[in-house]
Amino acid sequence: MKLRCLLVLGVGLLLAAGPSKDEAIKKDKDEMQGTWSVIGVTSDGKEMSSDLLLGAKVIFKGDRAEGKVIRLSKNNECGFKIDPTQKLKTIDFVHADGTVTPGIYELRTNKIKICNSSPKAARPTSLEAAKGSGWTQIILYRDR
């Protein structure tokens, strides 16, 4: 009888724990998929001119992220890994040479806010890229 109660209690605790890390990653990654317009960039407290952002896009496809700056005819593609189970959801951009750019993110239905640091620097602790932080904040809005 005690064993049965312990088993029922254990199963109940597992069910109450919510989705697994893998499920949380899949959910956020699925929501990120598609084309997003860059609507704001702030680097170390300095906002980038909206003229420079005109036509800038980020495309999430599978485990890859591609940045397109149409006005400058530049593209940049890398892998990305997320962990939405952390207190501040983490995102790491993994470049072709293995360099990792650590960041954090906030995902809403049609908006993503990402704040990242330089490769090999500590992960940001805030979504704001204040002056002196060395961080870059990128705000994306989902294309329709």
Protein backbone atom coordinates (compact mmCIF):
# COMPACT_ATOMS: atom_id res chain seq x y z
CA MET A 1 0.00 0.00 0.00
CA LYS A 2 2.82 2.45 0.89
CA LEU A 3 4.62 1.58 -2.33
CA ARG A 4 1.48 2.28 -4.37
CA CYS A 5 1.04 5.67 -2.66
CA LEU A 6 4.66 6.56 -3.34
CA LEU A 7 4.29 5.58 -7.00
CA VAL A 8 1.13 7.66 -7.41
CA LEU A 9 2.79 10.61 -5.67
CA GLY A 10 5.90 10.28 -7.88
CA VAL A 11 3.88 10.18 -11.10
CA GLY A 12 1.84 13.17 -9.91
CA LEU A 13 5.00 15.17 -9.24
CA LEU A 14 6.38 14.34 -12.69
CA LEU A 15 3.16 15.44 -14.37
CA ALA A 16 3.03 18.65 -12.33
CA ALA A 17 6.60 19.53 -13.29
CA GLY A 18 5.36 20.76 -16.68
CA PRO A 19 6.93 20.31 -20.09
CA SER A 20 10.41 18.88 -20.42
CA LYS A 21 13.38 20.96 -21.52
CA ASP A 22 13.23 19.35 -24.98
CA GLU A 23 9.53 20.25 -25.31
CA ALA A 24 10.20 23.86 -24.22
CA ILE A 25 13.05 24.17 -26.74
CA LYS A 26 10.88 22.76 -29.54
CA LYS A 27 8.00 25.12 -28.65
CA ASP A 28 10.13 28.29 -28.70
CA LYS A 29 12.15 27.18 -31.73
CA ASP A 30 8.93 26.47 -33.66
CA GLU A 31 7.59 29.92 -32.73
CA MET A 32 10.82 31.57 -33.95
CA GLN A 33 10.70 30.00 -37.41
CA GLY A 34 10.17 32.39 -40.31
CA THR A 35 11.17 35.85 -41.45
CA TRP A 36 11.49 38.75 -39.01
CA SER A 37 12.14 42.44 -39.73
CA VAL A 38 14.78 44.18 -37.65
CA ILE A 39 12.99 47.17 -36.11
CA GLY A 40 15.64 48.26 -33.64
CA VAL A 41 19.30 47.76 -32.77
CA THR A 42 21.05 49.30 -29.77
CA SER A 43 24.73 48.62 -29.22
CA ASP A 44 26.40 49.64 -25.98
CA GLY A 45 23.72 52.28 -25.36
CA LYS A 46 23.75 53.74 -28.87
CA GLU A 47 20.70 53.27 -31.10
CA MET A 48 21.33 52.48 -34.75
CA SER A 49 19.68 54.82 -37.26
CA SER A 50 16.41 53.46 -38.65
CA ASP A 51 17.72 54.32 -42.16
CA LEU A 52 20.42 51.68 -41.75
CA LEU A 53 17.85 49.07 -40.69
CA LEU A 54 15.61 49.52 -43.71
CA GLY A 55 15.09 46.07 -45.22
CA ALA A 56 17.16 44.24 -42.59
CA LYS A 57 15.77 40.78 -41.87
CA VAL A 58 16.52 37.76 -39.73
CA ILE A 59 15.31 34.39 -40.98
CA PHE A 60 15.10 31.46 -38.56
CA LYS A 61 14.96 28.13 -40.39
CA GLY A 62 15.48 24.92 -38.44
CA ASP A 63 18.61 25.35 -36.31
CA ARG A 64 19.95 28.19 -38.49
CA ALA A 65 19.59 31.97 -38.33
CA GLU A 66 20.39 34.19 -41.30
CA GLY A 67 20.74 37.94 -41.08
CA LYS A 68 20.13 39.90 -44.26
CA VAL A 69 21.00 43.56 -44.64
CA ILE A 70 19.53 44.35 -48.02
CA ARG A 71 20.85 47.92 -48.29
CA LEU A 72 24.42 46.74 -47.68
CA SER A 73 24.06 43.51 -49.73
CA LYS A 74 25.38 41.54 -46.76
CA ASN A 75 24.24 38.21 -45.36
CA ASN A 76 25.41 36.40 -42.26
CA GLU A 77 24.32 32.85 -41.40
CA CYS A 78 25.03 30.81 -38.31
CA GLY A 79 23.53 28.11 -36.13
CA PHE A 80 21.65 28.89 -32.96
CA LYS A 81 20.80 27.04 -29.77
CA ILE A 82 18.22 28.11 -27.20
CA ASP A 83 17.31 27.17 -23.65
CA PRO A 84 13.95 28.62 -22.64
CA THR A 85 14.04 26.81 -19.27
CA GLN A 86 16.58 29.25 -17.82
CA LYS A 87 15.39 32.21 -15.70
CA LEU A 88 16.58 34.45 -18.56
CA LYS A 89 15.98 32.44 -21.74
CA THR A 90 19.35 31.84 -23.42
CA ILE A 91 20.32 31.91 -27.08
CA ASP A 92 23.76 31.10 -28.44
CA PHE A 93 24.71 31.94 -32.02
CA VAL A 94 27.25 29.38 -33.24
CA HIS A 95 29.37 30.63 -36.13
CA ALA A 96 31.04 28.48 -38.82
CA ASP A 97 34.43 28.72 -37.09
CA GLY A 98 32.91 27.43 -33.82
CA THR A 99 32.85 30.83 -32.13
CA VAL A 100 29.81 31.28 -29.89
CA THR A 101 28.05 34.59 -29.29
CA PRO A 102 26.06 34.23 -26.04
CA GLY A 103 22.77 36.01 -25.52
CA ILE A 104 19.37 36.06 -23.90
CA TYR A 105 15.97 36.50 -25.50
CA GLU A 106 12.32 37.26 -24.91
CA LEU A 107 9.79 35.79 -27.32
CA ARG A 108 6.28 37.09 -27.78
CA THR A 109 3.81 36.16 -30.51
CA ASN A 110 5.07 38.67 -33.09
CA LYS A 111 8.17 40.10 -31.42
CA ILE A 112 11.59 38.83 -30.35
CA LYS A 113 13.99 40.85 -28.25
CA ILE A 114 17.57 39.53 -28.18
CA CYS A 115 20.49 40.89 -26.22
CA ASN A 116 23.91 39.40 -26.88
CA SER A 117 27.50 40.06 -25.93
CA SER A 118 30.69 39.57 -27.90
CA PRO A 119 32.06 36.08 -28.44
CA LYS A 120 33.96 34.81 -25.37
CA ALA A 121 32.36 37.53 -23.19
CA ALA A 122 29.93 36.77 -20.36
CA ARG A 123 26.27 36.32 -21.22
CA PRO A 124 24.14 39.48 -20.76
CA THR A 125 22.09 39.70 -17.57
CA SER A 126 19.53 42.14 -18.99
CA LEU A 127 17.67 42.60 -22.25
CA GLU A 128 18.82 46.23 -22.38
CA ALA A 129 22.13 47.19 -24.04
CA ALA A 130 23.06 50.06 -21.74
CA LYS A 131 26.09 52.28 -22.32
CA GLY A 132 29.23 50.56 -21.07
CA SER A 133 27.65 47.08 -21.13
CA GLY A 134 29.29 45.96 -24.37
CA TRP A 135 25.98 44.30 -25.32
CA THR A 136 23.83 44.57 -28.42
CA GLN A 137 20.04 44.50 -28.33
CA ILE A 138 18.11 43.51 -31.45
CA ILE A 139 14.34 43.87 -31.71
CA LEU A 140 12.60 41.79 -34.38
CA TYR A 141 9.01 41.91 -35.57
CA ARG A 142 7.45 38.98 -37.45
CA ASP A 143 6.77 39.58 -41.16
CA ARG A 144 3.26 38.78 -42.32
